[in-house]
Amino acid sequence: MFSGIGPGSKVWSQALEPSADNRLAHYVQPTGKVYSYDIREEGQKTARENLSRSGLSDFVELKLKDVVTGIDEGEVDAVILDLAVHGW
């Protein structure tokens, strides 16, 4: 990954496809953490199932929360956003 994310990184992600958390968790293990925010319960459920199947659950903290209201973490090494773009 060209973002500089690696073992030990703290990564904040928002509204990514559920399998993206698996990929990020793979890069940050064994001492890093992904903080994944989403407002869609179904997306969180799918992400949780994927993480459990892949054995990467310990490296991702799923949060059902709108980032517009704020985030819980202080400093992180990277921010990954899924920006909705309309009108293409």
C-alpha atoms as a PDB file:
ATOM      1  CA  MET A   1       0.000   0.000   0.000  1.00  0.00           C
ATOM      2  CA  PHE A   2       1.474   3.373  -0.989  1.00  0.00           C
ATOM      3  CA  SER A   3       0.098   5.284   2.002  1.00  0.00           C
ATOM      4  CA  GLY A   4       2.893   4.341   4.382  1.00  0.00           C
ATOM      5  CA  ILE A   5       0.540   2.155   6.408  1.00  0.00           C
ATOM      6  CA  GLY A   6       2.367  -0.761   7.978  1.00  0.00           C
ATOM      7  CA  PRO A   7       2.780  -2.789  11.158  1.00  0.00           C
ATOM      8  CA  GLY A   8       1.939  -0.662  14.180  1.00  0.00           C
ATOM      9  CA  SER A   9       0.050   2.035  12.247  1.00  0.00           C
ATOM     10  CA  LYS A  10      -3.133   3.552  13.625  1.00  0.00           C
ATOM     11  CA  VAL A  11      -5.595   4.066  10.776  1.00  0.00           C
ATOM     12  CA  TRP A  12      -8.911   5.854  10.816  1.00  0.00           C
ATOM     13  CA  SER A  13     -11.384   4.796   8.106  1.00  0.00           C
ATOM     14  CA  GLN A  14     -14.860   5.931   7.182  1.00  0.00           C
ATOM     15  CA  ALA A  15     -17.610   4.175   5.217  1.00  0.00           C
ATOM     16  CA  LEU A  16     -15.375   1.847   3.237  1.00  0.00           C
ATOM     17  CA  GLU A  17     -16.596  -1.333   1.622  1.00  0.00           C
ATOM     18  CA  PRO A  18     -16.687  -4.054   4.298  1.00  0.00           C
ATOM     19  CA  SER A  19     -13.710  -5.995   2.885  1.00  0.00           C
ATOM     20  CA  ALA A  20     -11.489  -2.882   2.968  1.00  0.00           C
ATOM     21  CA  ASP A  21     -11.151  -3.218   6.748  1.00  0.00           C
ATOM     22  CA  ASN A  22      -9.633  -6.673   6.206  1.00  0.00           C
ATOM     23  CA  ARG A  23      -7.014  -5.269   3.861  1.00  0.00           C
ATOM     24  CA  LEU A  24      -6.132  -2.438   6.251  1.00  0.00           C
ATOM     25  CA  ALA A  25      -5.988  -4.842   9.225  1.00  0.00           C
ATOM     26  CA  HIS A  26      -3.586  -7.052   7.293  1.00  0.00           C
ATOM     27  CA  TYR A  27      -1.178  -4.123   6.884  1.00  0.00           C
ATOM     28  CA  VAL A  28      -1.303  -2.837  10.488  1.00  0.00           C
ATOM     29  CA  GLN A  29      -0.948  -6.153  12.323  1.00  0.00           C
ATOM     30  CA  PRO A  30       0.432  -7.257  14.734  1.00  0.00           C
ATOM     31  CA  THR A  31       0.517  -4.054  16.824  1.00  0.00           C
ATOM     32  CA  GLY A  32      -1.584  -1.547  14.867  1.00  0.00           C
ATOM     33  CA  LYS A  33      -5.275  -0.746  14.848  1.00  0.00           C
ATOM     34  CA  VAL A  34      -7.927   0.297  12.340  1.00  0.00           C
ATOM     35  CA  TYR A  35     -10.757   2.466  13.670  1.00  0.00           C
ATOM     36  CA  SER A  36     -13.615   1.968  11.225  1.00  0.00           C
ATOM     37  CA  TYR A  37     -16.634   4.276  11.300  1.00  0.00           C
ATOM     38  CA  ASP A  38     -19.887   3.696   9.433  1.00  0.00           C
ATOM     39  CA  ILE A  39     -23.491   4.746   9.877  1.00  0.00           C
ATOM     40  CA  ARG A  40     -24.841   1.640   8.128  1.00  0.00           C
ATOM     41  CA  GLU A  41     -25.559  -1.253  10.492  1.00  0.00           C
ATOM     42  CA  GLU A  42     -25.566  -3.725   7.602  1.00  0.00           C
ATOM     43  CA  GLY A  43     -22.101  -2.604   6.520  1.00  0.00           C
ATOM     44  CA  GLN A  44     -20.795  -3.057  10.066  1.00  0.00           C
ATOM     45  CA  LYS A  45     -22.376  -6.508  10.300  1.00  0.00           C
ATOM     46  CA  THR A  46     -20.752  -7.629   7.046  1.00  0.00           C
ATOM     47  CA  ALA A  47     -17.383  -6.170   8.086  1.00  0.00           C
ATOM     48  CA  ARG A  48     -17.591  -7.961  11.448  1.00  0.00           C
ATOM     49  CA  GLU A  49     -18.316 -11.288   9.720  1.00  0.00           C
ATOM     50  CA  ASN A  50     -15.457 -10.795   7.238  1.00  0.00           C
ATOM     51  CA  LEU A  51     -13.011  -9.905  10.008  1.00  0.00           C
ATOM     52  CA  SER A  52     -14.042 -12.903  12.078  1.00  0.00           C
ATOM     53  CA  ARG A  53     -13.595 -15.276   9.129  1.00  0.00           C
ATOM     54  CA  SER A  54     -10.171 -13.858   8.322  1.00  0.00           C
ATOM     55  CA  GLY A  55      -8.936 -13.853  11.935  1.00  0.00           C
ATOM     56  CA  LEU A  56      -8.245 -10.094  11.840  1.00  0.00           C
ATOM     57  CA  SER A  57     -10.903  -8.908  14.321  1.00  0.00           C
ATOM     58  CA  ASP A  58      -8.319  -7.940  16.951  1.00  0.00           C
ATOM     59  CA  PHE A  59      -6.894  -5.266  14.663  1.00  0.00           C
ATOM     60  CA  VAL A  60     -10.136  -3.415  13.834  1.00  0.00           C
ATOM     61  CA  GLU A  61     -12.492  -1.478  16.085  1.00  0.00           C
ATOM     62  CA  LEU A  62     -15.863  -1.050  14.368  1.00  0.00           C
ATOM     63  CA  LYS A  63     -17.877   2.021  15.308  1.00  0.00           C
ATOM     64  CA  LEU A  64     -21.479   2.676  14.348  1.00  0.00           C
ATOM     65  CA  LYS A  65     -21.246   6.441  14.302  1.00  0.00           C
ATOM     66  CA  ASP A  66     -21.491   9.392  11.925  1.00  0.00           C
ATOM     67  CA  VAL A  67     -18.079  11.056  11.629  1.00  0.00           C
ATOM     68  CA  VAL A  68     -19.796  14.409  11.155  1.00  0.00           C
ATOM     69  CA  THR A  69     -20.488  14.344  14.899  1.00  0.00           C
ATOM     70  CA  GLY A  70     -16.795  13.798  15.650  1.00  0.00           C
ATOM     71  CA  ILE A  71     -14.326  10.972  16.076  1.00  0.00           C
ATOM     72  CA  ASP A  72     -13.119   9.328  19.255  1.00  0.00           C
ATOM     73  CA  GLU A  73      -9.424   8.884  18.461  1.00  0.00           C
ATOM     74  CA  GLY A  74      -6.742  11.503  18.864  1.00  0.00           C
ATOM     75  CA  GLU A  75      -3.722  11.031  16.674  1.00  0.00           C
ATOM     76  CA  VAL A  76      -3.635   8.481  13.848  1.00  0.00           C
ATOM     77  CA  ASP A  77      -1.072   7.744  11.153  1.00  0.00           C
ATOM     78  CA  ALA A  78      -3.498   7.706   8.214  1.00  0.00           C
ATOM     79  CA  VAL A  79      -7.054   8.660   7.317  1.00  0.00           C
ATOM     80  CA  ILE A  80      -8.902   6.696   4.630  1.00  0.00           C
ATOM     81  CA  LEU A  81     -12.194   8.204   3.425  1.00  0.00           C
ATOM     82  CA  ASP A  82     -14.834   6.996   0.992  1.00  0.00           C
ATOM     83  CA  LEU A  83     -16.123  10.269  -0.413  1.00  0.00           C
ATOM     84  CA  ALA A  84     -19.466  10.221  -2.161  1.00  0.00           C
ATOM     85  CA  VAL A  85     -19.227  12.147  -5.408  1.00  0.00           C
ATOM     86  CA  HIS A  86     -22.381  13.056  -7.256  1.00  0.00           C
ATOM     87  CA  GLY A  87     -22.909  14.512 -10.683  1.00  0.00           C
ATOM     88  CA  TRP A  88     -20.165  12.833 -12.633  1.00  0.00           C
END
